[in-house]
Amino acid sequence: TASPSAASPSRAAVPPIVVNAVDPQPPSLL
């Protein structure tokens, strides 16, 4: 689910990781 506070996060499916051929430019400052 898309809420940040699900009641039962222990067993579910997760998004796979997509690794780009060229890494995006990373954030550098907050």
PDB file of all heavy atoms in Angstrom:
ATOM      1  N   THR A   1       0.825  -1.183   0.000  1.00  0.00           N
ATOM      2  CA  THR A   1       0.000   0.000   0.000  1.00  0.00           C
ATOM      3  C   THR A   1       0.862   1.237   0.000  1.00  0.00           C
ATOM      4  O   THR A   1       2.039   1.190   0.318  1.00  0.00           O
ATOM      5  CB  THR A   1      -0.927   0.025   1.231  1.00  0.00           C
ATOM      6  OG1 THR A   1      -0.107   0.066   2.399  1.00  0.00           O
ATOM      7  CG2 THR A   1      -1.817  -1.197   1.272  1.00  0.00           C
ATOM      8  N   ALA A   2       0.249   2.397  -0.345  1.00  0.00           N
ATOM      9  CA  ALA A   2       1.053   3.598  -0.522  1.00  0.00           C
ATOM     10  C   ALA A   2       1.035   4.518   0.674  1.00  0.00           C
ATOM     11  O   ALA A   2       1.489   5.634   0.598  1.00  0.00           O
ATOM     12  CB  ALA A   2       0.547   4.361  -1.749  1.00  0.00           C
ATOM     13  N   SER A   3       0.497   4.083   1.794  1.00  0.00           N
ATOM     14  CA  SER A   3       0.561   4.880   3.010  1.00  0.00           C
ATOM     15  C   SER A   3       1.852   4.582   3.748  1.00  0.00           C
ATOM     16  O   SER A   3       2.288   3.445   3.784  1.00  0.00           O
ATOM     17  CB  SER A   3      -0.629   4.553   3.906  1.00  0.00           C
ATOM     18  OG  SER A   3      -0.414   5.055   5.192  1.00  0.00           O
ATOM     19  N   PRO A   4       2.508   5.596   4.361  1.00  0.00           N
ATOM     20  CA  PRO A   4       3.761   5.318   5.056  1.00  0.00           C
ATOM     21  C   PRO A   4       3.581   4.608   6.377  1.00  0.00           C
ATOM     22  O   PRO A   4       4.540   4.355   7.064  1.00  0.00           O
ATOM     23  CB  PRO A   4       4.347   6.722   5.271  1.00  0.00           C
ATOM     24  CG  PRO A   4       3.175   7.607   5.285  1.00  0.00           C
ATOM     25  CD  PRO A   4       2.167   7.003   4.361  1.00  0.00           C
ATOM     26  N   SER A   5       2.364   4.264   6.766  1.00  0.00           N
ATOM     27  CA  SER A   5       2.175   3.644   8.077  1.00  0.00           C
ATOM     28  C   SER A   5       1.232   2.452   7.993  1.00  0.00           C
ATOM     29  O   SER A   5       0.194   2.416   8.619  1.00  0.00           O
ATOM     30  CB  SER A   5       1.630   4.671   9.070  1.00  0.00           C
ATOM     31  OG  SER A   5       0.461   5.263   8.568  1.00  0.00           O
ATOM     32  N   ALA A   6       1.570   1.468   7.190  1.00  0.00           N
ATOM     33  CA  ALA A   6       0.744   0.280   7.086  1.00  0.00           C
ATOM     34  C   ALA A   6       0.787  -0.499   8.386  1.00  0.00           C
ATOM     35  O   ALA A   6       1.776  -0.508   9.092  1.00  0.00           O
ATOM     36  CB  ALA A   6       1.239  -0.599   5.935  1.00  0.00           C
ATOM     37  N   ALA A   7      -0.308  -1.199   8.675  1.00  0.00           N
ATOM     38  CA  ALA A   7      -0.376  -1.904   9.947  1.00  0.00           C
ATOM     39  C   ALA A   7       0.419  -3.202   9.940  1.00  0.00           C
ATOM     40  O   ALA A   7       0.910  -3.635  10.968  1.00  0.00           O
ATOM     41  CB  ALA A   7      -1.840  -2.209  10.282  1.00  0.00           C
ATOM     42  N   SER A   8       0.529  -3.867   8.803  1.00  0.00           N
ATOM     43  CA  SER A   8       1.191  -5.170   8.750  1.00  0.00           C
ATOM     44  C   SER A   8       2.242  -5.200   7.657  1.00  0.00           C
ATOM     45  O   SER A   8       2.002  -5.704   6.566  1.00  0.00           O
ATOM     46  CB  SER A   8       0.148  -6.273   8.506  1.00  0.00           C
ATOM     47  OG  SER A   8      -0.822  -6.268   9.522  1.00  0.00           O
ATOM     48  N   PRO A   9       3.442  -4.658   7.908  1.00  0.00           N
ATOM     49  CA  PRO A   9       4.452  -4.587   6.862  1.00  0.00           C
ATOM     50  C   PRO A   9       5.341  -5.815   6.779  1.00  0.00           C
ATOM     51  O   PRO A   9       6.353  -5.800   6.106  1.00  0.00           O
ATOM     52  CB  PRO A   9       5.275  -3.372   7.294  1.00  0.00           C
ATOM     53  CG  PRO A   9       5.226  -3.435   8.774  1.00  0.00           C
ATOM     54  CD  PRO A   9       3.864  -3.979   9.115  1.00  0.00           C
ATOM     55  N   SER A  10       4.990  -6.898   7.474  1.00  0.00           N
ATOM     56  CA  SER A  10       5.949  -7.986   7.618  1.00  0.00           C
ATOM     57  C   SER A  10       5.991  -8.932   6.432  1.00  0.00           C
ATOM     58  O   SER A  10       7.014  -9.549   6.172  1.00  0.00           O
ATOM     59  CB  SER A  10       5.643  -8.775   8.892  1.00  0.00           C
ATOM     60  OG  SER A  10       4.336  -9.293   8.846  1.00  0.00           O
ATOM     61  N   ARG A  11       4.900  -9.088   5.673  1.00  0.00           N
ATOM     62  CA  ARG A  11       4.906 -10.036   4.578  1.00  0.00           C
ATOM     63  C   ARG A  11       4.198  -9.403   3.399  1.00  0.00           C
ATOM     64  O   ARG A  11       3.004  -9.185   3.427  1.00  0.00           O
ATOM     65  CB  ARG A  11       4.204 -11.339   4.963  1.00  0.00           C
ATOM     66  CG  ARG A  11       4.796 -12.018   6.182  1.00  0.00           C
ATOM     67  CD  ARG A  11       4.050 -13.294   6.494  1.00  0.00           C
ATOM     68  NE  ARG A  11       4.215 -14.292   5.440  1.00  0.00           N
ATOM     69  CZ  ARG A  11       5.241 -15.142   5.394  1.00  0.00           C
ATOM     70  NH1 ARG A  11       6.167 -15.101   6.316  1.00  0.00           N
ATOM     71  NH2 ARG A  11       5.339 -16.035   4.438  1.00  0.00           N
ATOM     72  N   ALA A  12       4.940  -9.124   2.311  1.00  0.00           N
ATOM     73  CA  ALA A  12       4.329  -8.507   1.145  1.00  0.00           C
ATOM     74  C   ALA A  12       5.318  -8.495   0.007  1.00  0.00           C
ATOM     75  O   ALA A  12       6.422  -8.996   0.112  1.00  0.00           O
ATOM     76  CB  ALA A  12       3.873  -7.081   1.470  1.00  0.00           C
ATOM     77  N   ALA A  13       4.893  -7.897  -1.116  1.00  0.00           N
ATOM     78  CA  ALA A  13       5.773  -7.766  -2.268  1.00  0.00           C
ATOM     79  C   ALA A  13       6.419  -6.396  -2.253  1.00  0.00           C
ATOM     80  O   ALA A  13       5.851  -5.435  -1.745  1.00  0.00           O
ATOM     81  CB  ALA A  13       4.973  -7.961  -3.556  1.00  0.00           C
ATOM     82  N   VAL A  14       7.608  -6.303  -2.810  1.00  0.00           N
ATOM     83  CA  VAL A  14       8.313  -5.021  -2.845  1.00  0.00           C
ATOM     84  C   VAL A  14       8.708  -4.704  -4.268  1.00  0.00           C
ATOM     85  O   VAL A  14       8.838  -5.596  -5.098  1.00  0.00           O
ATOM     86  CB  VAL A  14       9.588  -5.057  -1.973  1.00  0.00           C
ATOM     87  CG1 VAL A  14       9.238  -5.339  -0.532  1.00  0.00           C
ATOM     88  CG2 VAL A  14      10.570  -6.093  -2.492  1.00  0.00           C
ATOM     89  N   PRO A  15       8.902  -3.419  -4.590  1.00  0.00           N
ATOM     90  CA  PRO A  15       9.348  -3.066  -5.932  1.00  0.00           C
ATOM     91  C   PRO A  15      10.734  -3.612  -6.196  1.00  0.00           C
ATOM     92  O   PRO A  15      11.586  -3.610  -5.308  1.00  0.00           O
ATOM     93  CB  PRO A  15       9.375  -1.530  -5.909  1.00  0.00           C
ATOM     94  CG  PRO A  15       8.621  -1.139  -4.703  1.00  0.00           C
ATOM     95  CD  PRO A  15       8.700  -2.272  -3.734  1.00  0.00           C
ATOM     96  N   PRO A  16      10.995  -4.120  -7.406  1.00  0.00           N
ATOM     97  CA  PRO A  16      12.355  -4.532  -7.734  1.00  0.00           C
ATOM     98  C   PRO A  16      13.247  -3.323  -7.894  1.00  0.00           C
ATOM     99  O   PRO A  16      12.766  -2.198  -8.026  1.00  0.00           O
ATOM    100  CB  PRO A  16      12.187  -5.270  -9.062  1.00  0.00           C
ATOM    101  CG  PRO A  16      11.009  -4.599  -9.692  1.00  0.00           C
ATOM    102  CD  PRO A  16      10.083  -4.246  -8.536  1.00  0.00           C
ATOM    103  N   ILE A  17      14.541  -3.548  -7.887  1.00  0.00           N
ATOM    104  CA  ILE A  17      15.494  -2.462  -8.059  1.00  0.00           C
ATOM    105  C   ILE A  17      15.893  -2.357  -9.519  1.00  0.00           C
ATOM    106  O   ILE A  17      16.256  -3.345 -10.152  1.00  0.00           O
ATOM    107  CB  ILE A  17      16.734  -2.696  -7.186  1.00  0.00           C
ATOM    108  CG1 ILE A  17      16.334  -2.606  -5.719  1.00  0.00           C
ATOM    109  CG2 ILE A  17      17.836  -1.706  -7.488  1.00  0.00           C
ATOM    110  CD1 ILE A  17      17.396  -3.056  -4.784  1.00  0.00           C
ATOM    111  N   VAL A  18      15.797  -1.189 -10.080  1.00  0.00           N
ATOM    112  CA  VAL A  18      16.206  -0.950 -11.455  1.00  0.00           C
ATOM    113  C   VAL A  18      17.542  -0.223 -11.420  1.00  0.00           C
ATOM    114  O   VAL A  18      17.652   0.886 -10.897  1.00  0.00           O
ATOM    115  CB  VAL A  18      15.167  -0.104 -12.216  1.00  0.00           C
ATOM    116  CG1 VAL A  18      15.645   0.178 -13.621  1.00  0.00           C
ATOM    117  CG2 VAL A  18      13.829  -0.825 -12.239  1.00  0.00           C
ATOM    118  N   VAL A  19      18.571  -0.858 -11.958  1.00  0.00           N
ATOM    119  CA  VAL A  19      19.901  -0.262 -11.988  1.00  0.00           C
ATOM    120  C   VAL A  19      20.150   0.279 -13.395  1.00  0.00           C
ATOM    121  O   VAL A  19      20.189  -0.471 -14.358  1.00  0.00           O
ATOM    122  CB  VAL A  19      20.982  -1.294 -11.615  1.00  0.00           C
ATOM    123  CG1 VAL A  19      22.357  -0.648 -11.647  1.00  0.00           C
ATOM    124  CG2 VAL A  19      20.707  -1.879 -10.245  1.00  0.00           C
ATOM    125  N   ASN A  20      20.281   1.575 -13.515  1.00  0.00           N
ATOM    126  CA  ASN A  20      20.485   2.190 -14.813  1.00  0.00           C
ATOM    127  C   ASN A  20      21.911   1.969 -15.311  1.00  0.00           C
ATOM    128  O   ASN A  20      22.849   1.872 -14.527  1.00  0.00           O
ATOM    129  CB  ASN A  20      20.210   3.700 -14.736  1.00  0.00           C
ATOM    130  CG  ASN A  20      18.764   3.988 -14.407  1.00  0.00           C
ATOM    131  OD1 ASN A  20      17.868   3.368 -14.970  1.00  0.00           O
ATOM    132  ND2 ASN A  20      18.528   4.910 -13.476  1.00  0.00           N
ATOM    133  N   ALA A  21      22.052   1.899 -16.631  1.00  0.00           N
ATOM    134  CA  ALA A  21      23.387   1.749 -17.218  1.00  0.00           C
ATOM    135  C   ALA A  21      24.265   2.934 -16.855  1.00  0.00           C
ATOM    136  O   ALA A  21      25.471   2.801 -16.656  1.00  0.00           O
ATOM    137  CB  ALA A  21      23.282   1.600 -18.727  1.00  0.00           C
ATOM    138  N   VAL A  22      23.666   4.118 -16.777  1.00  0.00           N
ATOM    139  CA  VAL A  22      24.379   5.321 -16.364  1.00  0.00           C
ATOM    140  C   VAL A  22      23.728   5.822 -15.090  1.00  0.00           C
ATOM    141  O   VAL A  22      22.539   6.128 -15.077  1.00  0.00           O
ATOM    142  CB  VAL A  22      24.334   6.413 -17.454  1.00  0.00           C
ATOM    143  CG1 VAL A  22      25.031   7.665 -16.959  1.00  0.00           C
ATOM    144  CG2 VAL A  22      24.952   5.908 -18.746  1.00  0.00           C
ATOM    145  N   ASP A  23      24.496   5.883 -14.023  1.00  0.00           N
ATOM    146  CA  ASP A  23      23.933   6.328 -12.754  1.00  0.00           C
ATOM    147  C   ASP A  23      23.480   7.780 -12.845  1.00  0.00           C
ATOM    148  O   ASP A  23      24.165   8.615 -13.440  1.00  0.00           O
ATOM    149  CB  ASP A  23      24.974   6.198 -11.638  1.00  0.00           C
ATOM    150  CG  ASP A  23      25.160   4.764 -11.194  1.00  0.00           C
ATOM    151  OD1 ASP A  23      24.259   3.942 -11.448  1.00  0.00           O
ATOM    152  OD2 ASP A  23      26.203   4.460 -10.593  1.00  0.00           O
ATOM    153  N   PRO A  24      22.332   8.104 -12.251  1.00  0.00           N
ATOM    154  CA  PRO A  24      21.888   9.502 -12.238  1.00  0.00           C
ATOM    155  C   PRO A  24      22.801  10.345 -11.374  1.00  0.00           C
ATOM    156  O   PRO A  24      23.518   9.832 -10.511  1.00  0.00           O
ATOM    157  CB  PRO A  24      20.486   9.410 -11.646  1.00  0.00           C
ATOM    158  CG  PRO A  24      20.521   8.170 -10.801  1.00  0.00           C
ATOM    159  CD  PRO A  24      21.420   7.214 -11.527  1.00  0.00           C
ATOM    160  N   GLN A  25      22.782  11.655 -11.624  1.00  0.00           N
ATOM    161  CA  GLN A  25      23.584  12.552 -10.798  1.00  0.00           C
ATOM    162  C   GLN A  25      22.987  12.592  -9.399  1.00  0.00           C
ATOM    163  O   GLN A  25      21.799  12.833  -9.224  1.00  0.00           O
ATOM    164  CB  GLN A  25      23.619  13.947 -11.401  1.00  0.00           C
ATOM    165  CG  GLN A  25      24.632  14.863 -10.734  1.00  0.00           C
ATOM    166  CD  GLN A  25      24.859  16.134 -11.542  1.00  0.00           C
ATOM    167  OE1 GLN A  25      24.094  16.448 -12.442  1.00  0.00           O
ATOM    168  NE2 GLN A  25      25.914  16.866 -11.216  1.00  0.00           N
ATOM    169  N   PRO A  26      23.798  12.342  -8.378  1.00  0.00           N
ATOM    170  CA  PRO A  26      23.240  12.224  -7.026  1.00  0.00           C
ATOM    171  C   PRO A  26      23.008  13.583  -6.378  1.00  0.00           C
ATOM    172  O   PRO A  26      23.692  14.563  -6.689  1.00  0.00           O
ATOM    173  CB  PRO A  26      24.329  11.461  -6.275  1.00  0.00           C
ATOM    174  CG  PRO A  26      25.602  11.867  -6.953  1.00  0.00           C
ATOM    175  CD  PRO A  26      25.239  12.019  -8.412  1.00  0.00           C
ATOM    176  N   PRO A  27      22.068  13.667  -5.447  1.00  0.00           N
ATOM    177  CA  PRO A  27      21.967  14.857  -4.605  1.00  0.00           C
ATOM    178  C   PRO A  27      23.251  15.024  -3.800  1.00  0.00           C
ATOM    179  O   PRO A  27      23.905  14.045  -3.437  1.00  0.00           O
ATOM    180  CB  PRO A  27      20.781  14.548  -3.684  1.00  0.00           C
ATOM    181  CG  PRO A  27      20.030  13.449  -4.359  1.00  0.00           C
ATOM    182  CD  PRO A  27      21.041  12.658  -5.112  1.00  0.00           C
ATOM    183  N   SER A  28      23.610  16.266  -3.531  1.00  0.00           N
ATOM    184  CA  SER A  28      24.862  16.520  -2.810  1.00  0.00           C
ATOM    185  C   SER A  28      24.687  17.360  -1.556  1.00  0.00           C
ATOM    186  O   SER A  28      25.584  17.395  -0.716  1.00  0.00           O
ATOM    187  CB  SER A  28      25.875  17.214  -3.732  1.00  0.00           C
ATOM    188  OG  SER A  28      25.355  18.458  -4.190  1.00  0.00           O
ATOM    189  N   LEU A  29      23.544  18.039  -1.407  1.00  0.00           N
ATOM    190  CA  LEU A  29      23.377  18.937  -0.268  1.00  0.00           C
ATOM    191  C   LEU A  29      21.909  19.013   0.121  1.00  0.00           C
ATOM    192  O   LEU A  29      21.032  19.151  -0.737  1.00  0.00           O
ATOM    193  CB  LEU A  29      23.888  20.339  -0.618  1.00  0.00           C
ATOM    194  CG  LEU A  29      23.858  21.384   0.495  1.00  0.00           C
ATOM    195  CD1 LEU A  29      24.847  21.030   1.609  1.00  0.00           C
ATOM    196  CD2 LEU A  29      24.184  22.781  -0.071  1.00  0.00           C
ATOM    197  N   LEU A  30      21.646  18.928   1.434  1.00  0.00           N
ATOM    198  CA  LEU A  30      20.305  19.095   1.990  1.00  0.00           C
ATOM    199  C   LEU A  30      20.301  20.329   2.870  1.00  0.00           C
ATOM    200  O   LEU A  30      21.148  20.469   3.765  1.00  0.00           O
ATOM    201  CB  LEU A  30      19.922  17.863   2.816  1.00  0.00           C
ATOM    202  CG  LEU A  30      18.633  17.961   3.651  1.00  0.00           C
ATOM    203  CD1 LEU A  30      17.412  18.077   2.750  1.00  0.00           C
ATOM    204  CD2 LEU A  30      18.501  16.742   4.580  1.00  0.00           C
TER     205      LEU A  30
END
